[in-house]
Amino acid sequence: GTRAGAMALVQSCEAYLKKKDIKTYAKNHKELAEAIKFFSKKSADVKVVESS
């Protein structure tokens, strides 16, 4: 959801500022791990929702 996405963004910034590998940092940060997993999907696996 929105909250988890925001937390993942903050966690990714923390990893960057601490000069840590993002995938290593994600091992202890659930929201970041889920975001990496979601955004690493092949485009064929992602459902596109058309808006009106």
PDB file of N, CA and C in Angstrom:
ATOM      1  N   GLY A   1       0.810  -1.185   0.000  1.00  0.00           N
ATOM      2  CA  GLY A   1       0.000   0.000   0.000  1.00  0.00           C
ATOM      3  C   GLY A   1       0.857   1.254   0.000  1.00  0.00           C
ATOM      4  N   THR A   2       0.212   2.348   0.161  1.00  0.00           N
ATOM      5  CA  THR A   2       0.879   3.649   0.129  1.00  0.00           C
ATOM      6  C   THR A   2       1.898   3.797   1.247  1.00  0.00           C
ATOM      7  N   ARG A   3       1.509   3.384   2.446  1.00  0.00           N
ATOM      8  CA  ARG A   3       2.411   3.519   3.596  1.00  0.00           C
ATOM      9  C   ARG A   3       3.676   2.671   3.412  1.00  0.00           C
ATOM     10  N   ALA A   4       3.499   1.427   2.987  1.00  0.00           N
ATOM     11  CA  ALA A   4       4.651   0.539   2.778  1.00  0.00           C
ATOM     12  C   ALA A   4       5.550   1.076   1.665  1.00  0.00           C
ATOM     13  N   GLY A   5       4.934   1.638   0.625  1.00  0.00           N
ATOM     14  CA  GLY A   5       5.714   2.224  -0.466  1.00  0.00           C
ATOM     15  C   GLY A   5       6.549   3.402   0.006  1.00  0.00           C
ATOM     16  N   ALA A   6       5.948   4.238   0.844  1.00  0.00           N
ATOM     17  CA  ALA A   6       6.678   5.380   1.389  1.00  0.00           C
ATOM     18  C   ALA A   6       7.819   4.911   2.287  1.00  0.00           C
ATOM     19  N   MET A   7       7.556   3.877   3.082  1.00  0.00           N
ATOM     20  CA  MET A   7       8.598   3.333   3.952  1.00  0.00           C
ATOM     21  C   MET A   7       9.747   2.762   3.123  1.00  0.00           C
ATOM     22  N   ALA A   8       9.410   2.084   2.020  1.00  0.00           N
ATOM     23  CA  ALA A   8      10.438   1.525   1.141  1.00  0.00           C
ATOM     24  C   ALA A   8      11.294   2.636   0.534  1.00  0.00           C
ATOM     25  N   LEU A   9      10.666   3.737   0.171  1.00  0.00           N
ATOM     26  CA  LEU A   9      11.400   4.872  -0.386  1.00  0.00           C
ATOM     27  C   LEU A   9      12.374   5.434   0.642  1.00  0.00           C
ATOM     28  N   VAL A  10      11.909   5.605   1.867  1.00  0.00           N
ATOM     29  CA  VAL A  10      12.776   6.101   2.937  1.00  0.00           C
ATOM     30  C   VAL A  10      13.930   5.126   3.173  1.00  0.00           C
ATOM     31  N   GLN A  11      13.619   3.833   3.207  1.00  0.00           N
ATOM     32  CA  GLN A  11      14.650   2.818   3.430  1.00  0.00           C
ATOM     33  C   GLN A  11      15.682   2.815   2.309  1.00  0.00           C
ATOM     34  N   SER A  12      15.236   3.023   1.076  1.00  0.00           N
ATOM     35  CA  SER A  12      16.193   3.064  -0.034  1.00  0.00           C
ATOM     36  C   SER A  12      17.109   4.281   0.092  1.00  0.00           C
ATOM     37  N   CYS A  13      16.566   5.393   0.556  1.00  0.00           N
ATOM     38  CA  CYS A  13      17.383   6.591   0.783  1.00  0.00           C
ATOM     39  C   CYS A  13      18.388   6.355   1.908  1.00  0.00           C
ATOM     40  N   GLU A  14      17.946   5.669   2.969  1.00  0.00           N
ATOM     41  CA  GLU A  14      18.852   5.344   4.074  1.00  0.00           C
ATOM     42  C   GLU A  14      20.015   4.489   3.581  1.00  0.00           C
ATOM     43  N   ALA A  15      19.704   3.488   2.772  1.00  0.00           N
ATOM     44  CA  ALA A  15      20.747   2.611   2.232  1.00  0.00           C
ATOM     45  C   ALA A  15      21.747   3.420   1.410  1.00  0.00           C
ATOM     46  N   TYR A  16      21.238   4.311   0.585  1.00  0.00           N
ATOM     47  CA  TYR A  16      22.102   5.152  -0.245  1.00  0.00           C
ATOM     48  C   TYR A  16      23.008   6.029   0.620  1.00  0.00           C
ATOM     49  N   LEU A  17      22.420   6.694   1.601  1.00  0.00           N
ATOM     50  CA  LEU A  17      23.192   7.594   2.450  1.00  0.00           C
ATOM     51  C   LEU A  17      24.237   6.853   3.281  1.00  0.00           C
ATOM     52  N   LYS A  18      23.937   5.610   3.630  1.00  0.00           N
ATOM     53  CA  LYS A  18      24.874   4.792   4.406  1.00  0.00           C
ATOM     54  C   LYS A  18      25.850   4.028   3.510  1.00  0.00           C
ATOM     55  N   LYS A  19      25.712   4.252   2.185  1.00  0.00           N
ATOM     56  CA  LYS A  19      26.558   3.581   1.185  1.00  0.00           C
ATOM     57  C   LYS A  19      26.485   2.056   1.304  1.00  0.00           C
ATOM     58  N   LYS A  20      25.264   1.557   1.541  1.00  0.00           N
ATOM     59  CA  LYS A  20      25.013   0.119   1.662  1.00  0.00           C
ATOM     60  C   LYS A  20      24.402  -0.404   0.375  1.00  0.00           C
ATOM     61  N   ASP A  21      24.717  -1.642   0.039  1.00  0.00           N
ATOM     62  CA  ASP A  21      24.087  -2.298  -1.096  1.00  0.00           C
ATOM     63  C   ASP A  21      22.592  -2.434  -0.801  1.00  0.00           C
ATOM     64  N   ILE A  22      21.756  -2.020  -1.738  1.00  0.00           N
ATOM     65  CA  ILE A  22      20.316  -1.976  -1.484  1.00  0.00           C
ATOM     66  C   ILE A  22      19.718  -3.359  -1.220  1.00  0.00           C
ATOM     67  N   LYS A  23      20.201  -4.374  -1.911  1.00  0.00           N
ATOM     68  CA  LYS A  23      19.657  -5.720  -1.700  1.00  0.00           C
ATOM     69  C   LYS A  23      20.086  -6.282  -0.347  1.00  0.00           C
ATOM     70  N   THR A  24      21.275  -5.945   0.090  1.00  0.00           N
ATOM     71  CA  THR A  24      21.723  -6.359   1.420  1.00  0.00           C
ATOM     72  C   THR A  24      20.911  -5.626   2.484  1.00  0.00           C
ATOM     73  N   TYR A  25      20.701  -4.347   2.294  1.00  0.00           N
ATOM     74  CA  TYR A  25      19.920  -3.531   3.235  1.00  0.00           C
ATOM     75  C   TYR A  25      18.484  -4.043   3.324  1.00  0.00           C
ATOM     76  N   ALA A  26      17.963  -4.500   2.209  1.00  0.00           N
ATOM     77  CA  ALA A  26      16.580  -4.987   2.162  1.00  0.00           C
ATOM     78  C   ALA A  26      16.379  -6.265   2.975  1.00  0.00           C
ATOM     79  N   LYS A  27      17.442  -6.994   3.255  1.00  0.00           N
ATOM     80  CA  LYS A  27      17.313  -8.232   4.036  1.00  0.00           C
ATOM     81  C   LYS A  27      16.745  -7.968   5.425  1.00  0.00           C
ATOM     82  N   ASN A  28      16.960  -6.766   5.947  1.00  0.00           N
ATOM     83  CA  ASN A  28      16.456  -6.398   7.273  1.00  0.00           C
ATOM     84  C   ASN A  28      15.368  -5.334   7.213  1.00  0.00           C
ATOM     85  N   HIS A  29      14.841  -5.079   6.020  1.00  0.00           N
ATOM     86  CA  HIS A  29      13.811  -4.051   5.836  1.00  0.00           C
ATOM     87  C   HIS A  29      12.735  -4.603   4.901  1.00  0.00           C
ATOM     88  N   LYS A  30      11.670  -5.100   5.497  1.00  0.00           N
ATOM     89  CA  LYS A  30      10.614  -5.818   4.774  1.00  0.00           C
ATOM     90  C   LYS A  30      10.012  -5.005   3.628  1.00  0.00           C
ATOM     91  N   GLU A  31       9.691  -3.755   3.879  1.00  0.00           N
ATOM     92  CA  GLU A  31       9.042  -2.933   2.857  1.00  0.00           C
ATOM     93  C   GLU A  31       9.943  -2.740   1.642  1.00  0.00           C
ATOM     94  N   LEU A  32      11.211  -2.519   1.892  1.00  0.00           N
ATOM     95  CA  LEU A  32      12.164  -2.352   0.796  1.00  0.00           C
ATOM     96  C   LEU A  32      12.300  -3.642   0.004  1.00  0.00           C
ATOM     97  N   ALA A  33      12.356  -4.760   0.706  1.00  0.00           N
ATOM     98  CA  ALA A  33      12.460  -6.060   0.031  1.00  0.00           C
ATOM     99  C   ALA A  33      11.251  -6.305  -0.868  1.00  0.00           C
ATOM    100  N   GLU A  34      10.062  -5.990  -0.375  1.00  0.00           N
ATOM    101  CA  GLU A  34       8.846  -6.176  -1.171  1.00  0.00           C
ATOM    102  C   GLU A  34       8.835  -5.257  -2.389  1.00  0.00           C
ATOM    103  N   ALA A  35       9.293  -4.027  -2.228  1.00  0.00           N
ATOM    104  CA  ALA A  35       9.332  -3.087  -3.352  1.00  0.00           C
ATOM    105  C   ALA A  35      10.311  -3.563  -4.425  1.00  0.00           C
ATOM    106  N   ILE A  36      11.466  -4.041  -4.004  1.00  0.00           N
ATOM    107  CA  ILE A  36      12.445  -4.553  -4.967  1.00  0.00           C
ATOM    108  C   ILE A  36      11.858  -5.740  -5.711  1.00  0.00           C
ATOM    109  N   LYS A  37      11.218  -6.623  -4.985  1.00  0.00           N
ATOM    110  CA  LYS A  37      10.593  -7.799  -5.601  1.00  0.00           C
ATOM    111  C   LYS A  37       9.527  -7.371  -6.616  1.00  0.00           C
ATOM    112  N   PHE A  38       8.673  -6.432  -6.233  1.00  0.00           N
ATOM    113  CA  PHE A  38       7.590  -5.979  -7.112  1.00  0.00           C
ATOM    114  C   PHE A  38       8.132  -5.296  -8.367  1.00  0.00           C
ATOM    115  N   PHE A  39       9.059  -4.374  -8.200  1.00  0.00           N
ATOM    116  CA  PHE A  39       9.541  -3.598  -9.338  1.00  0.00           C
ATOM    117  C   PHE A  39      10.562  -4.343 -10.186  1.00  0.00           C
ATOM    118  N   SER A  40      10.983  -5.515  -9.738  1.00  0.00           N
ATOM    119  CA  SER A  40      11.908  -6.334 -10.522  1.00  0.00           C
ATOM    120  C   SER A  40      11.184  -7.327 -11.414  1.00  0.00           C
ATOM    121  N   LYS A  41       9.851  -7.363 -11.344  1.00  0.00           N
ATOM    122  CA  LYS A  41       9.070  -8.285 -12.169  1.00  0.00           C
ATOM    123  C   LYS A  41       9.221  -7.927 -13.637  1.00  0.00           C
ATOM    124  N   LYS A  42       9.123  -8.936 -14.481  1.00  0.00           N
ATOM    125  CA  LYS A  42       9.114  -8.698 -15.916  1.00  0.00           C
ATOM    126  C   LYS A  42       7.828  -7.967 -16.268  1.00  0.00           C
ATOM    127  N   SER A  43       7.870  -7.140 -17.268  1.00  0.00           N
ATOM    128  CA  SER A  43       6.690  -6.358 -17.639  1.00  0.00           C
ATOM    129  C   SER A  43       5.501  -7.238 -17.981  1.00  0.00           C
ATOM    130  N   ALA A  44       5.733  -8.448 -18.471  1.00  0.00           N
ATOM    131  CA  ALA A  44       4.632  -9.357 -18.801  1.00  0.00           C
ATOM    132  C   ALA A  44       3.913  -9.835 -17.541  1.00  0.00           C
ATOM    133  N   ASP A  45       4.590  -9.765 -16.388  1.00  0.00           N
ATOM    134  CA  ASP A  45       4.004 -10.216 -15.129  1.00  0.00           C
ATOM    135  C   ASP A  45       3.198  -9.129 -14.424  1.00  0.00           C
ATOM    136  N   VAL A  46       3.307  -7.897 -14.894  1.00  0.00           N
ATOM    137  CA  VAL A  46       2.644  -6.777 -14.246  1.00  0.00           C
ATOM    138  C   VAL A  46       1.354  -6.451 -14.981  1.00  0.00           C
ATOM    139  N   LYS A  47       0.267  -6.439 -14.238  1.00  0.00           N
ATOM    140  CA  LYS A  47      -1.040  -6.144 -14.820  1.00  0.00           C
ATOM    141  C   LYS A  47      -1.206  -4.630 -14.937  1.00  0.00           C
ATOM    142  N   VAL A  48      -1.570  -4.179 -16.120  1.00  0.00           N
ATOM    143  CA  VAL A  48      -1.798  -2.762 -16.362  1.00  0.00           C
ATOM    144  C   VAL A  48      -3.287  -2.491 -16.232  1.00  0.00           C
ATOM    145  N   VAL A  49      -3.626  -1.515 -15.405  1.00  0.00           N
ATOM    146  CA  VAL A  49      -5.020  -1.143 -15.209  1.00  0.00           C
ATOM    147  C   VAL A  49      -5.261   0.145 -15.982  1.00  0.00           C
ATOM    148  N   GLU A  50      -6.199   0.092 -16.894  1.00  0.00           N
ATOM    149  CA  GLU A  50      -6.538   1.272 -17.689  1.00  0.00           C
ATOM    150  C   GLU A  50      -7.395   2.217 -16.861  1.00  0.00           C
ATOM    151  N   SER A  51      -7.084   3.499 -16.919  1.00  0.00           N
ATOM    152  CA  SER A  51      -7.905   4.483 -16.218  1.00  0.00           C
ATOM    153  C   SER A  51      -8.775   5.211 -17.229  1.00  0.00           C
ATOM    154  N   SER A  52      -9.884   5.727 -16.748  1.00  0.00           N
ATOM    155  CA  SER A  52     -10.798   6.411 -17.678  1.00  0.00           C
ATOM    156  C   SER A  52     -10.589   7.886 -17.717  1.00  0.00           C
TER     157      SER A  52
END
